[in-house]
Amino acid sequence: MHSAARFYFEAIAPRIHDDKASRIVDKMPVKHLFAPLIALMRRHPLDFGLSCFQAGFGYGYASDLADTGRAHRVFADIMDRWHALLGSRIHAVRYEKLVSNPADEIARRLEHCGMAFHPDCAAPGEQGGLIKTASVTQVCRPISDRSVGRWKRCEDELAPMIEAMGGMDWIQRHHHAG
């Protein structure tokens, strides 16, 4: 585990512009393959898939609905396996709970990481500093639940993603399991 962590930190070091940073937030879904010990955000699979598809991360899977669905299924299966192996070392947070009660959920996540809560954590739109994320416009706004259930507005168009994930039965089981 330590060699995997060292490899990861050496790989991201050139992208860190704050020598005083003691924690890193890495939201790229594929990074779960390399750094599963920190935290896990669980979100409705179709909201997650739609968000990845629309963000166009530059990975091939993010430009095709079926590929996005398959990639999510693989990520979910890998994270479920890590969670089974490592138990409480992985702190899972439900996205839907986070956006409905940010202060409490953020405080729990920070406590798991050995950090203290500060009210600024629940108001990211009011903070300054460097932001390098596909969701930069979201980070500059107050935490909101406007993205919860977004997939329902385009469910018919998401049919290839739904099928690739294993159908609505798998999606609902996975959504309620985490």
N, C-alpha and C. Protein backbone atom coordinates (compact mmCIF):
# COMPACT_ATOMS: atom_id res chain seq x y z
N MET A 1 0.81 -1.19 0.00
CA MET A 1 0.00 0.00 0.00
C MET A 1 0.86 1.26 0.00
N HIS A 2 1.92 1.26 0.80
CA HIS A 2 2.75 2.46 0.88
C HIS A 2 3.43 2.77 -0.45
N SER A 3 3.85 1.74 -1.18
CA SER A 3 4.48 1.99 -2.48
C SER A 3 3.47 2.53 -3.47
N ALA A 4 2.21 2.07 -3.40
CA ALA A 4 1.16 2.59 -4.29
C ALA A 4 0.88 4.06 -3.96
N ALA A 5 0.83 4.38 -2.68
CA ALA A 5 0.60 5.77 -2.28
C ALA A 5 1.76 6.66 -2.73
N ARG A 6 2.98 6.20 -2.55
CA ARG A 6 4.16 6.97 -2.96
C ARG A 6 4.12 7.22 -4.48
N PHE A 7 3.78 6.18 -5.25
CA PHE A 7 3.68 6.31 -6.71
C PHE A 7 2.65 7.37 -7.08
N TYR A 8 1.49 7.33 -6.45
CA TYR A 8 0.42 8.29 -6.72
C TYR A 8 0.88 9.71 -6.42
N PHE A 9 1.45 9.93 -5.25
CA PHE A 9 1.87 11.28 -4.87
C PHE A 9 3.00 11.80 -5.74
N GLU A 10 3.89 10.94 -6.16
CA GLU A 10 4.95 11.36 -7.08
C GLU A 10 4.36 11.76 -8.43
N ALA A 11 3.32 11.03 -8.85
CA ALA A 11 2.69 11.32 -10.15
C ALA A 11 1.95 12.66 -10.14
N ILE A 12 1.34 13.02 -9.02
CA ILE A 12 0.56 14.27 -8.99
C ILE A 12 1.36 15.47 -8.52
N ALA A 13 2.53 15.26 -7.96
CA ALA A 13 3.34 16.36 -7.41
C ALA A 13 3.52 17.53 -8.37
N PRO A 14 3.79 17.31 -9.67
CA PRO A 14 3.98 18.45 -10.56
C PRO A 14 2.74 19.34 -10.71
N ARG A 15 1.56 18.83 -10.35
CA ARG A 15 0.32 19.60 -10.50
C ARG A 15 -0.05 20.38 -9.25
N ILE A 16 0.67 20.19 -8.18
CA ILE A 16 0.35 20.86 -6.93
C ILE A 16 1.13 22.17 -6.86
N HIS A 17 0.38 23.26 -6.72
CA HIS A 17 1.00 24.59 -6.76
C HIS A 17 1.06 25.24 -5.38
N ASP A 18 0.74 24.49 -4.35
CA ASP A 18 0.76 25.03 -2.99
C ASP A 18 1.62 24.11 -2.14
N ASP A 19 2.83 24.55 -1.84
CA ASP A 19 3.76 23.72 -1.06
C ASP A 19 3.24 23.42 0.34
N LYS A 20 2.29 24.22 0.82
CA LYS A 20 1.77 24.03 2.18
C LYS A 20 0.57 23.09 2.22
N ALA A 21 0.08 22.66 1.06
CA ALA A 21 -1.10 21.79 1.02
C ALA A 21 -0.81 20.46 1.71
N SER A 22 -1.65 20.11 2.67
CA SER A 22 -1.46 18.84 3.36
C SER A 22 -2.48 17.80 2.92
N ARG A 23 -3.50 18.21 2.17
CA ARG A 23 -4.52 17.30 1.67
C ARG A 23 -4.79 17.61 0.21
N ILE A 24 -5.22 16.61 -0.54
CA ILE A 24 -5.48 16.75 -1.97
C ILE A 24 -6.88 16.22 -2.26
N VAL A 25 -7.65 16.95 -3.05
CA VAL A 25 -8.95 16.48 -3.51
C VAL A 25 -8.79 16.13 -4.97
N ASP A 26 -8.96 14.87 -5.30
CA ASP A 26 -8.82 14.39 -6.67
C ASP A 26 -10.13 13.75 -7.07
N LYS A 27 -10.88 14.42 -7.94
CA LYS A 27 -12.23 13.99 -8.29
C LYS A 27 -12.31 13.12 -9.54
N MET A 28 -11.21 12.86 -10.19
CA MET A 28 -11.27 12.07 -11.42
C MET A 28 -11.67 10.63 -11.09
N PRO A 29 -12.75 10.14 -11.71
CA PRO A 29 -13.23 8.79 -11.39
C PRO A 29 -12.18 7.70 -11.55
N VAL A 30 -11.35 7.78 -12.56
CA VAL A 30 -10.38 6.72 -12.81
C VAL A 30 -9.33 6.65 -11.70
N LYS A 31 -9.16 7.70 -10.93
CA LYS A 31 -8.16 7.70 -9.86
C LYS A 31 -8.52 6.73 -8.74
N HIS A 32 -9.77 6.29 -8.68
CA HIS A 32 -10.15 5.29 -7.68
C HIS A 32 -9.34 4.01 -7.83
N LEU A 33 -8.82 3.80 -9.03
CA LEU A 33 -8.00 2.62 -9.25
C LEU A 33 -6.68 2.72 -8.50
N PHE A 34 -6.19 3.94 -8.29
CA PHE A 34 -4.87 4.15 -7.71
C PHE A 34 -4.88 4.59 -6.25
N ALA A 35 -5.91 5.27 -5.84
CA ALA A 35 -5.92 5.84 -4.48
C ALA A 35 -7.25 5.61 -3.78
N PRO A 36 -7.58 4.37 -3.48
CA PRO A 36 -8.89 4.10 -2.90
C PRO A 36 -8.97 4.24 -1.39
N LEU A 37 -7.92 4.68 -0.75
CA LEU A 37 -7.90 4.67 0.71
C LEU A 37 -8.36 5.96 1.35
N ILE A 38 -8.70 6.94 0.59
CA ILE A 38 -8.96 8.24 1.17
C ILE A 38 -10.45 8.45 1.44
N ALA A 39 -11.26 8.47 0.42
CA ALA A 39 -12.68 8.71 0.59
C ALA A 39 -13.42 8.29 -0.67
N LEU A 40 -14.69 8.04 -0.52
CA LEU A 40 -15.51 7.61 -1.65
C LEU A 40 -16.82 8.39 -1.63
N MET A 41 -17.12 9.04 -2.73
CA MET A 41 -18.40 9.72 -2.87
C MET A 41 -19.32 8.81 -3.67
N ARG A 42 -20.40 8.39 -3.06
CA ARG A 42 -21.38 7.56 -3.78
C ARG A 42 -22.51 8.47 -4.25
N ARG A 43 -22.88 8.27 -5.50
CA ARG A 43 -23.92 9.09 -6.12
C ARG A 43 -24.79 8.17 -6.95
N HIS A 44 -26.03 8.57 -7.21
CA HIS A 44 -26.89 7.74 -8.06
C HIS A 44 -26.11 7.44 -9.33
N PRO A 45 -26.03 6.16 -9.74
CA PRO A 45 -25.22 5.80 -10.90
C PRO A 45 -25.54 6.58 -12.17
N LEU A 46 -26.81 6.88 -12.41
CA LEU A 46 -27.16 7.61 -13.64
C LEU A 46 -26.82 9.09 -13.53
N ASP A 47 -26.94 9.68 -12.36
CA ASP A 47 -26.49 11.07 -12.19
C ASP A 47 -24.98 11.13 -12.36
N PHE A 48 -24.26 10.15 -11.79
CA PHE A 48 -22.81 10.09 -11.95
C PHE A 48 -22.43 9.95 -13.42
N GLY A 49 -23.05 8.98 -14.10
CA GLY A 49 -22.74 8.74 -15.51
C GLY A 49 -23.05 9.93 -16.39
N LEU A 50 -24.20 10.55 -16.18
CA LEU A 50 -24.57 11.73 -16.96
C LEU A 50 -23.58 12.86 -16.73
N SER A 51 -23.17 13.06 -15.49
CA SER A 51 -22.20 14.10 -15.18
C SER A 51 -20.87 13.85 -15.89
N CYS A 52 -20.39 12.61 -15.85
CA CYS A 52 -19.12 12.27 -16.54
C CYS A 52 -19.25 12.47 -18.04
N PHE A 53 -20.37 12.03 -18.60
CA PHE A 53 -20.60 12.15 -20.04
C PHE A 53 -20.60 13.62 -20.45
N GLN A 54 -21.28 14.46 -19.69
CA GLN A 54 -21.37 15.87 -20.03
C GLN A 54 -20.06 16.62 -19.79
N ALA A 55 -19.27 16.18 -18.82
CA ALA A 55 -18.01 16.86 -18.52
C ALA A 55 -16.95 16.56 -19.57
N GLY A 56 -17.04 15.40 -20.23
CA GLY A 56 -16.06 15.05 -21.25
C GLY A 56 -14.64 15.08 -20.72
N PHE A 57 -14.33 14.22 -19.77
CA PHE A 57 -13.04 14.21 -19.10
C PHE A 57 -11.85 13.98 -20.01
N GLY A 58 -12.07 13.61 -21.25
CA GLY A 58 -10.95 13.35 -22.13
C GLY A 58 -10.62 11.88 -22.23
N TYR A 59 -11.26 11.07 -21.41
CA TYR A 59 -11.11 9.63 -21.53
C TYR A 59 -12.12 9.16 -22.56
N GLY A 60 -11.77 8.13 -23.32
CA GLY A 60 -12.66 7.63 -24.37
C GLY A 60 -14.03 7.26 -23.86
N TYR A 61 -14.09 6.68 -22.66
CA TYR A 61 -15.39 6.23 -22.14
C TYR A 61 -16.36 7.37 -21.92
N ALA A 62 -15.88 8.58 -21.71
CA ALA A 62 -16.76 9.69 -21.37
C ALA A 62 -17.44 10.31 -22.58
N SER A 63 -17.15 9.81 -23.77
CA SER A 63 -17.77 10.39 -24.97
C SER A 63 -18.83 9.49 -25.58
N ASP A 64 -19.15 8.39 -24.91
CA ASP A 64 -20.15 7.45 -25.41
C ASP A 64 -20.98 6.97 -24.22
N LEU A 65 -22.30 7.04 -24.34
CA LEU A 65 -23.16 6.69 -23.20
C LEU A 65 -22.95 5.26 -22.73
N ALA A 66 -22.88 4.31 -23.66
CA ALA A 66 -22.69 2.91 -23.27
C ALA A 66 -21.32 2.73 -22.60
N ASP A 67 -20.29 3.34 -23.16
CA ASP A 67 -18.96 3.23 -22.56
C ASP A 67 -18.92 3.88 -21.18
N THR A 68 -19.63 4.99 -21.02
CA THR A 68 -19.71 5.64 -19.71
C THR A 68 -20.38 4.71 -18.71
N GLY A 69 -21.45 4.05 -19.14
CA GLY A 69 -22.14 3.09 -18.27
C GLY A 69 -21.25 1.92 -17.88
N ARG A 70 -20.53 1.37 -18.85
CA ARG A 70 -19.62 0.25 -18.55
C ARG A 70 -18.51 0.70 -17.61
N ALA A 71 -17.96 1.88 -17.86
CA ALA A 71 -16.88 2.39 -17.00
C ALA A 71 -17.38 2.57 -15.57
N HIS A 72 -18.59 3.11 -15.42
CA HIS A 72 -19.13 3.29 -14.07
C HIS A 72 -19.30 1.94 -13.39
N ARG A 73 -19.78 0.96 -14.12
CA ARG A 73 -19.98 -0.37 -13.53
C ARG A 73 -18.64 -0.94 -13.06
N VAL A 74 -17.60 -0.78 -13.87
CA VAL A 74 -16.27 -1.25 -13.47
C VAL A 74 -15.79 -0.49 -12.23
N PHE A 75 -15.89 0.86 -12.24
CA PHE A 75 -15.46 1.65 -11.08
C PHE A 75 -16.23 1.22 -9.83
N ALA A 76 -17.55 1.04 -9.97
CA ALA A 76 -18.37 0.65 -8.82
C ALA A 76 -17.96 -0.72 -8.29
N ASP A 77 -17.73 -1.66 -9.19
CA ASP A 77 -17.31 -3.00 -8.76
C ASP A 77 -15.95 -2.96 -8.06
N ILE A 78 -15.02 -2.17 -8.60
CA ILE A 78 -13.70 -2.04 -7.97
C ILE A 78 -13.82 -1.41 -6.58
N MET A 79 -14.59 -0.34 -6.48
CA MET A 79 -14.74 0.33 -5.19
C MET A 79 -15.48 -0.55 -4.19
N ASP A 80 -16.45 -1.32 -4.65
CA ASP A 80 -17.13 -2.26 -3.75
C ASP A 80 -16.14 -3.28 -3.21
N ARG A 81 -15.24 -3.73 -4.07
CA ARG A 81 -14.22 -4.70 -3.64
C ARG A 81 -13.26 -4.06 -2.63
N TRP A 82 -12.79 -2.83 -2.92
CA TRP A 82 -11.92 -2.13 -1.98
C TRP A 82 -12.63 -1.95 -0.64
N HIS A 83 -13.90 -1.58 -0.71
CA HIS A 83 -14.67 -1.35 0.52
C HIS A 83 -14.81 -2.64 1.31
N ALA A 84 -15.03 -3.76 0.62
CA ALA A 84 -15.12 -5.05 1.31
C ALA A 84 -13.79 -5.43 1.97
N LEU A 85 -12.69 -5.12 1.31
CA LEU A 85 -11.37 -5.45 1.85
C LEU A 85 -10.93 -4.53 2.98
N LEU A 86 -11.23 -3.24 2.85
CA LEU A 86 -10.67 -2.25 3.77
C LEU A 86 -11.65 -1.69 4.78
N GLY A 87 -12.93 -2.00 4.62
CA GLY A 87 -13.94 -1.59 5.58
C GLY A 87 -13.92 -0.11 5.90
N SER A 88 -13.77 0.20 7.19
CA SER A 88 -13.89 1.59 7.65
C SER A 88 -12.73 2.48 7.22
N ARG A 89 -11.69 1.91 6.62
CA ARG A 89 -10.61 2.77 6.12
C ARG A 89 -11.09 3.59 4.93
N ILE A 90 -12.16 3.14 4.29
CA ILE A 90 -12.78 3.92 3.22
C ILE A 90 -14.02 4.57 3.80
N HIS A 91 -14.06 5.87 3.71
CA HIS A 91 -15.20 6.62 4.24
C HIS A 91 -16.12 6.97 3.07
N ALA A 92 -17.28 6.33 3.04
CA ALA A 92 -18.23 6.58 1.95
C ALA A 92 -19.23 7.64 2.37
N VAL A 93 -19.49 8.56 1.47
CA VAL A 93 -20.47 9.62 1.68
C VAL A 93 -21.44 9.59 0.51
N ARG A 94 -22.71 9.69 0.80
CA ARG A 94 -23.74 9.78 -0.23
C ARG A 94 -23.81 11.22 -0.72
N TYR A 95 -23.65 11.40 -2.02
CA TYR A 95 -23.73 12.73 -2.63
C TYR A 95 -25.05 13.41 -2.25
N GLU A 96 -26.13 12.65 -2.32
CA GLU A 96 -27.45 13.21 -2.04
C GLU A 96 -27.55 13.71 -0.60
N LYS A 97 -26.91 13.02 0.34
CA LYS A 97 -26.90 13.47 1.74
C LYS A 97 -25.99 14.69 1.89
N LEU A 98 -24.88 14.69 1.18
CA LEU A 98 -23.95 15.82 1.26
C LEU A 98 -24.62 17.12 0.83
N VAL A 99 -25.31 17.10 -0.30
CA VAL A 99 -25.89 18.35 -0.80
C VAL A 99 -27.12 18.77 0.00
N SER A 100 -27.75 17.83 0.72
CA SER A 100 -28.91 18.21 1.52
C SER A 100 -28.51 18.66 2.93
N ASN A 101 -27.32 18.25 3.39
CA ASN A 101 -26.86 18.61 4.73
C ASN A 101 -25.34 18.77 4.71
N PRO A 102 -24.84 19.77 3.99
CA PRO A 102 -23.40 19.89 3.76
C PRO A 102 -22.54 19.97 5.03
N ALA A 103 -22.92 20.79 5.97
CA ALA A 103 -22.06 20.99 7.15
C ALA A 103 -21.83 19.69 7.90
N ASP A 104 -22.89 18.94 8.17
CA ASP A 104 -22.74 17.69 8.92
C ASP A 104 -21.94 16.65 8.14
N GLU A 105 -22.23 16.50 6.85
CA GLU A 105 -21.53 15.50 6.05
C GLU A 105 -20.06 15.86 5.85
N ILE A 106 -19.79 17.13 5.64
CA ILE A 106 -18.40 17.57 5.49
C ILE A 106 -17.65 17.37 6.80
N ALA A 107 -18.28 17.68 7.91
CA ALA A 107 -17.64 17.49 9.22
C ALA A 107 -17.28 16.02 9.43
N ARG A 108 -18.18 15.10 9.05
CA ARG A 108 -17.89 13.67 9.19
C ARG A 108 -16.72 13.25 8.31
N ARG A 109 -16.70 13.74 7.07
CA ARG A 109 -15.61 13.39 6.17
C ARG A 109 -14.29 13.93 6.70
N LEU A 110 -14.27 15.16 7.15
CA LEU A 110 -13.04 15.75 7.68
C LEU A 110 -12.56 15.00 8.92
N GLU A 111 -13.49 14.63 9.78
CA GLU A 111 -13.11 13.87 10.97
C GLU A 111 -12.44 12.55 10.57
N HIS A 112 -12.98 11.89 9.56
CA HIS A 112 -12.38 10.63 9.08
C HIS A 112 -10.95 10.86 8.59
N CYS A 113 -10.70 12.02 8.01
CA CYS A 113 -9.37 12.35 7.48
C CYS A 113 -8.46 12.98 8.53
N GLY A 114 -8.96 13.10 9.77
CA GLY A 114 -8.15 13.68 10.83
C GLY A 114 -8.05 15.19 10.76
N MET A 115 -9.06 15.82 10.21
CA MET A 115 -9.05 17.27 10.04
C MET A 115 -10.23 17.88 10.79
N ALA A 116 -10.09 19.13 11.19
CA ALA A 116 -11.15 19.84 11.89
C ALA A 116 -12.07 20.54 10.90
N PHE A 117 -13.33 20.61 11.26
CA PHE A 117 -14.32 21.32 10.43
C PHE A 117 -14.18 22.82 10.66
N HIS A 118 -14.34 23.56 9.58
CA HIS A 118 -14.41 25.02 9.64
C HIS A 118 -15.61 25.41 8.79
N PRO A 119 -16.41 26.38 9.20
CA PRO A 119 -17.60 26.76 8.42
C PRO A 119 -17.32 27.08 6.95
N ASP A 120 -16.11 27.56 6.64
CA ASP A 120 -15.76 27.84 5.24
C ASP A 120 -15.87 26.59 4.37
N CYS A 121 -15.70 25.43 4.97
CA CYS A 121 -15.77 24.17 4.21
C CYS A 121 -17.14 23.97 3.58
N ALA A 122 -18.18 24.47 4.22
CA ALA A 122 -19.54 24.30 3.71
C ALA A 122 -19.96 25.45 2.80
N ALA A 123 -19.04 26.36 2.51
CA ALA A 123 -19.34 27.50 1.64
C ALA A 123 -18.22 27.67 0.61
N PRO A 124 -18.00 26.67 -0.24
CA PRO A 124 -16.87 26.75 -1.17
C PRO A 124 -16.97 27.90 -2.16
N GLY A 125 -18.17 28.34 -2.47
CA GLY A 125 -18.34 29.44 -3.42
C GLY A 125 -17.81 30.77 -2.91
N GLU A 126 -17.58 30.85 -1.62
CA GLU A 126 -17.11 32.10 -1.02
C GLU A 126 -15.60 32.11 -0.81
N GLN A 127 -14.92 31.05 -1.20
CA GLN A 127 -13.48 30.93 -0.97
C GLN A 127 -12.72 31.31 -2.23
N GLY A 128 -11.51 31.73 -2.06
CA GLY A 128 -10.65 32.04 -3.20
C GLY A 128 -9.69 30.89 -3.42
N GLY A 129 -8.74 31.09 -4.28
CA GLY A 129 -7.71 30.09 -4.51
C GLY A 129 -7.84 29.41 -5.85
N LEU A 130 -6.86 28.60 -6.14
CA LEU A 130 -6.78 27.88 -7.41
C LEU A 130 -7.81 26.76 -7.45
N ILE A 131 -8.54 26.67 -8.55
CA ILE A 131 -9.51 25.60 -8.76
C ILE A 131 -9.21 24.97 -10.11
N LYS A 132 -8.87 23.69 -10.10
CA LYS A 132 -8.59 22.97 -11.34
C LYS A 132 -9.47 21.73 -11.37
N THR A 133 -10.70 21.91 -11.83
CA THR A 133 -11.66 20.81 -11.88
C THR A 133 -12.64 21.07 -13.01
N ALA A 134 -13.20 19.99 -13.55
CA ALA A 134 -14.21 20.14 -14.60
C ALA A 134 -15.45 20.85 -14.07
N SER A 135 -15.65 20.82 -12.76
CA SER A 135 -16.83 21.45 -12.17
C SER A 135 -16.50 22.80 -11.53
N VAL A 136 -15.58 23.54 -12.14
CA VAL A 136 -15.13 24.82 -11.59
C VAL A 136 -16.31 25.77 -11.37
N THR A 137 -17.29 25.79 -12.27
CA THR A 137 -18.43 26.69 -12.08
C THR A 137 -19.28 26.27 -10.89
N GLN A 138 -19.35 24.97 -10.62
CA GLN A 138 -20.11 24.49 -9.46
C GLN A 138 -19.40 24.86 -8.17
N VAL A 139 -18.08 24.77 -8.17
CA VAL A 139 -17.30 25.06 -6.97
C VAL A 139 -17.46 26.53 -6.57
N CYS A 140 -17.73 27.38 -7.52
CA CYS A 140 -17.87 28.81 -7.26
C CYS A 140 -19.28 29.20 -6.82
N ARG A 141 -20.18 28.23 -6.74
CA ARG A 141 -21.56 28.49 -6.30
C ARG A 141 -21.81 27.78 -4.97
N PRO A 142 -22.86 28.17 -4.27
CA PRO A 142 -23.20 27.46 -3.03
C PRO A 142 -23.54 25.99 -3.32
N ILE A 143 -23.31 25.13 -2.33
CA ILE A 143 -23.67 23.71 -2.46
C ILE A 143 -25.17 23.62 -2.64
N SER A 144 -25.60 22.82 -3.60
CA SER A 144 -27.01 22.75 -3.96
C SER A 144 -27.37 21.32 -4.37
N ASP A 145 -28.65 21.01 -4.29
CA ASP A 145 -29.12 19.68 -4.71
C ASP A 145 -29.70 19.69 -6.13
N ARG A 146 -29.41 20.73 -6.91
CA ARG A 146 -30.01 20.85 -8.24
C ARG A 146 -29.60 19.74 -9.20
N SER A 147 -28.50 19.04 -8.93
CA SER A 147 -28.08 17.95 -9.82
C SER A 147 -28.61 16.59 -9.40
N VAL A 148 -29.28 16.52 -8.26
CA VAL A 148 -29.85 15.26 -7.79
C VAL A 148 -31.05 14.89 -8.66
N GLY A 149 -31.02 13.69 -9.21
CA GLY A 149 -32.13 13.22 -10.04
C GLY A 149 -32.18 13.81 -11.43
N ARG A 150 -31.11 14.47 -11.85
CA ARG A 150 -31.07 15.09 -13.18
C ARG A 150 -31.27 14.07 -14.29
N TRP A 151 -30.85 12.84 -14.06
CA TRP A 151 -30.96 11.78 -15.07
C TRP A 151 -32.41 11.52 -15.44
N LYS A 152 -33.35 11.79 -14.55
CA LYS A 152 -34.77 11.49 -14.82
C LYS A 152 -35.31 12.30 -15.99
N ARG A 153 -34.74 13.49 -16.22
CA ARG A 153 -35.22 14.34 -17.31
C ARG A 153 -34.83 13.80 -18.68
N CYS A 154 -33.87 12.89 -18.72
CA CYS A 154 -33.42 12.36 -20.01
C CYS A 154 -33.26 10.83 -19.96
N GLU A 155 -34.09 10.18 -19.18
CA GLU A 155 -33.99 8.73 -18.98
C GLU A 155 -34.03 7.96 -20.30
N ASP A 156 -34.92 8.33 -21.21
CA ASP A 156 -35.01 7.61 -22.48
C ASP A 156 -33.71 7.69 -23.26
N GLU A 157 -33.09 8.87 -23.27
CA GLU A 157 -31.83 9.05 -24.00
C GLU A 157 -30.67 8.29 -23.34
N LEU A 158 -30.81 7.97 -22.07
CA LEU A 158 -29.75 7.27 -21.34
C LEU A 158 -29.86 5.75 -21.46
N ALA A 159 -30.75 5.26 -22.30
CA ALA A 159 -30.95 3.81 -22.44
C ALA A 159 -29.65 3.04 -22.67
N PRO A 160 -28.73 3.50 -23.54
CA PRO A 160 -27.47 2.75 -23.71
C PRO A 160 -26.65 2.68 -22.41
N MET A 161 -26.66 3.74 -21.63
CA MET A 161 -25.93 3.74 -20.36
C MET A 161 -26.59 2.80 -19.36
N ILE A 162 -27.91 2.85 -19.31
CA ILE A 162 -28.66 1.99 -18.39
C ILE A 162 -28.39 0.52 -18.70
N GLU A 163 -28.45 0.17 -19.96
CA GLU A 163 -28.20 -1.22 -20.36
C GLU A 163 -26.77 -1.64 -20.03
N ALA A 164 -25.80 -0.76 -20.30
CA ALA A 164 -24.39 -1.08 -20.05
C ALA A 164 -24.09 -1.24 -18.56
N MET A 165 -24.85 -0.55 -17.72
CA MET A 165 -24.65 -0.68 -16.27
C MET A 165 -25.26 -1.97 -15.73
N GLY A 166 -26.11 -2.60 -16.52
CA GLY A 166 -26.74 -3.83 -16.07
C GLY A 166 -28.23 -3.68 -15.82
N GLY A 167 -28.81 -2.59 -16.29
CA GLY A 167 -30.24 -2.38 -16.16
C GLY A 167 -30.62 -1.66 -14.87
N MET A 168 -31.89 -1.27 -14.82
CA MET A 168 -32.38 -0.49 -13.68
C MET A 168 -32.33 -1.28 -12.37
N ASP A 169 -32.45 -2.61 -12.43
CA ASP A 169 -32.36 -3.39 -11.19
C ASP A 169 -30.99 -3.21 -10.54
N TRP A 170 -29.91 -3.35 -11.35
CA TRP A 170 -28.56 -3.16 -10.80
C TRP A 170 -28.39 -1.73 -10.31
N ILE A 171 -28.86 -0.78 -11.09
CA ILE A 171 -28.71 0.63 -10.74
C ILE A 171 -29.37 0.92 -9.40
N GLN A 172 -30.60 0.47 -9.22
CA GLN A 172 -31.31 0.73 -7.96
C GLN A 172 -30.66 0.00 -6.79
N ARG A 173 -30.25 -1.26 -7.00
CA ARG A 173 -29.56 -2.00 -5.93
C ARG A 173 -28.27 -1.29 -5.53
N HIS A 174 -27.50 -0.89 -6.52
CA HIS A 174 -26.22 -0.24 -6.23
C HIS A 174 -26.44 1.11 -5.56
N HIS A 175 -27.43 1.83 -6.01
CA HIS A 175 -27.70 3.15 -5.43
C HIS A 175 -28.10 3.03 -3.96
N HIS A 176 -28.90 2.04 -3.64
CA HIS A 176 -29.39 1.90 -2.27
C HIS A 176 -28.43 1.14 -1.36
N ALA A 177 -27.44 0.46 -1.96
CA ALA A 177 -26.51 -0.35 -1.15
C ALA A 177 -25.46 0.48 -0.44
N GLY A 178 -25.06 1.60 -1.04
CA GLY A 178 -23.92 2.33 -0.50
C GLY A 178 -24.19 3.31 0.55
